[in-house]
Amino acid sequence: MAADDAAVAAQLADVHDALLRDAEAVGLDPAALDGALERAAATYAHRRVRRFTGVLVEREVREELGLRRVSRL
């Protein structure tokens, strides 16, 4: 379980970095991004989709904030 938790944390860190670059590119408040990321991560915290948590969280945050991908990974 600890390995799964570490993998999810790494996914979320990568997602945060990508989202932050895009948020900064369009002038979005980083606090709004962090709040959306926390809400989305909480949604998937206890589910069995750990392998895809980062993808799901990124999709949900982008949808909530209307944030398009403008940076490259």
C-alpha atoms as a PDB file:
ATOM      1  CA  MET A   1       0.000   0.000   0.000  1.00  0.00           C
ATOM      2  CA  ALA A   2       2.848   2.415   0.752  1.00  0.00           C
ATOM      3  CA  ALA A   3       4.218   1.872  -2.755  1.00  0.00           C
ATOM      4  CA  ASP A   4       0.774   2.664  -4.177  1.00  0.00           C
ATOM      5  CA  ASP A   5       0.583   5.822  -2.065  1.00  0.00           C
ATOM      6  CA  ALA A   6       4.015   6.911  -3.267  1.00  0.00           C
ATOM      7  CA  ALA A   7       3.036   6.242  -6.877  1.00  0.00           C
ATOM      8  CA  VAL A   8      -0.136   8.310  -6.511  1.00  0.00           C
ATOM      9  CA  ALA A   9       1.800  11.130  -4.834  1.00  0.00           C
ATOM     10  CA  ALA A  10       4.256  11.128  -7.748  1.00  0.00           C
ATOM     11  CA  GLN A  11       1.389  11.216 -10.247  1.00  0.00           C
ATOM     12  CA  LEU A  12      -0.225  14.132  -8.443  1.00  0.00           C
ATOM     13  CA  ALA A  13       3.069  16.033  -8.307  1.00  0.00           C
ATOM     14  CA  ASP A  14       3.472  15.616 -12.073  1.00  0.00           C
ATOM     15  CA  VAL A  15      -0.133  16.671 -12.661  1.00  0.00           C
ATOM     16  CA  HIS A  16       0.312  19.702 -10.408  1.00  0.00           C
ATOM     17  CA  ASP A  17       3.393  20.808 -12.346  1.00  0.00           C
ATOM     18  CA  ALA A  18       1.644  20.477 -15.720  1.00  0.00           C
ATOM     19  CA  LEU A  19      -1.484  22.237 -14.491  1.00  0.00           C
ATOM     20  CA  LEU A  20       0.535  25.011 -12.874  1.00  0.00           C
ATOM     21  CA  ARG A  21       2.389  25.746 -16.118  1.00  0.00           C
ATOM     22  CA  ASP A  22      -0.908  25.993 -17.983  1.00  0.00           C
ATOM     23  CA  ALA A  23      -2.543  28.049 -15.224  1.00  0.00           C
ATOM     24  CA  GLU A  24       0.351  30.511 -15.214  1.00  0.00           C
ATOM     25  CA  ALA A  25       0.201  30.768 -19.008  1.00  0.00           C
ATOM     26  CA  VAL A  26      -3.404  31.998 -18.840  1.00  0.00           C
ATOM     27  CA  GLY A  27      -3.063  34.047 -15.636  1.00  0.00           C
ATOM     28  CA  LEU A  28      -5.069  31.726 -13.385  1.00  0.00           C
ATOM     29  CA  ASP A  29      -4.602  32.165  -9.640  1.00  0.00           C
ATOM     30  CA  PRO A  30      -2.417  29.314  -8.299  1.00  0.00           C
ATOM     31  CA  ALA A  31      -4.625  29.142  -5.189  1.00  0.00           C
ATOM     32  CA  ALA A  32      -7.640  28.320  -7.374  1.00  0.00           C
ATOM     33  CA  LEU A  33      -5.612  25.581  -9.013  1.00  0.00           C
ATOM     34  CA  ASP A  34      -4.480  24.161  -5.670  1.00  0.00           C
ATOM     35  CA  GLY A  35      -8.054  24.126  -4.366  1.00  0.00           C
ATOM     36  CA  ALA A  36      -9.357  22.344  -7.451  1.00  0.00           C
ATOM     37  CA  LEU A  37      -6.499  19.857  -7.266  1.00  0.00           C
ATOM     38  CA  GLU A  38      -7.209  19.093  -3.606  1.00  0.00           C
ATOM     39  CA  ARG A  39     -10.917  18.553  -4.303  1.00  0.00           C
ATOM     40  CA  ALA A  40     -10.233  16.295  -7.268  1.00  0.00           C
ATOM     41  CA  ALA A  41      -7.570  14.292  -5.420  1.00  0.00           C
ATOM     42  CA  ALA A  42      -9.952  13.793  -2.487  1.00  0.00           C
ATOM     43  CA  THR A  43     -12.532  12.375  -4.880  1.00  0.00           C
ATOM     44  CA  TYR A  44     -10.180   9.573  -5.873  1.00  0.00           C
ATOM     45  CA  ALA A  45      -8.278   9.126  -2.599  1.00  0.00           C
ATOM     46  CA  HIS A  46      -9.994   5.916  -1.529  1.00  0.00           C
ATOM     47  CA  ARG A  47     -10.760   4.367  -4.877  1.00  0.00           C
ATOM     48  CA  ARG A  48      -9.059   1.442  -6.485  1.00  0.00           C
ATOM     49  CA  VAL A  49      -8.060   3.362  -9.611  1.00  0.00           C
ATOM     50  CA  ARG A  50      -4.668   4.301  -8.223  1.00  0.00           C
ATOM     51  CA  ARG A  51      -2.872   3.560 -11.474  1.00  0.00           C
ATOM     52  CA  PHE A  52      -4.960   6.225 -13.240  1.00  0.00           C
ATOM     53  CA  THR A  53      -5.424   8.724 -10.418  1.00  0.00           C
ATOM     54  CA  GLY A  54      -3.211  11.370 -12.006  1.00  0.00           C
ATOM     55  CA  VAL A  55      -5.076  11.252 -15.314  1.00  0.00           C
ATOM     56  CA  LEU A  56      -8.471  11.408 -13.625  1.00  0.00           C
ATOM     57  CA  VAL A  57      -7.474  14.261 -11.341  1.00  0.00           C
ATOM     58  CA  GLU A  58      -5.980  16.265 -14.201  1.00  0.00           C
ATOM     59  CA  ARG A  59      -9.123  15.838 -16.295  1.00  0.00           C
ATOM     60  CA  GLU A  60     -11.377  16.880 -13.431  1.00  0.00           C
ATOM     61  CA  VAL A  61      -9.302  19.975 -12.568  1.00  0.00           C
ATOM     62  CA  ARG A  62      -9.118  21.091 -16.187  1.00  0.00           C
ATOM     63  CA  GLU A  63     -12.878  20.693 -16.508  1.00  0.00           C
ATOM     64  CA  GLU A  64     -13.611  22.570 -13.264  1.00  0.00           C
ATOM     65  CA  LEU A  65     -11.338  25.481 -14.146  1.00  0.00           C
ATOM     66  CA  GLY A  66     -11.936  25.491 -17.902  1.00  0.00           C
ATOM     67  CA  LEU A  67      -8.182  25.101 -18.306  1.00  0.00           C
ATOM     68  CA  ARG A  68      -6.877  24.038 -21.700  1.00  0.00           C
ATOM     69  CA  ARG A  69      -3.495  22.437 -22.190  1.00  0.00           C
ATOM     70  CA  VAL A  70      -1.152  25.146 -23.448  1.00  0.00           C
ATOM     71  CA  SER A  71       2.210  23.818 -22.303  1.00  0.00           C
ATOM     72  CA  ARG A  72       4.046  20.712 -23.329  1.00  0.00           C
ATOM     73  CA  LEU A  73       4.784  18.030 -20.778  1.00  0.00           C
END
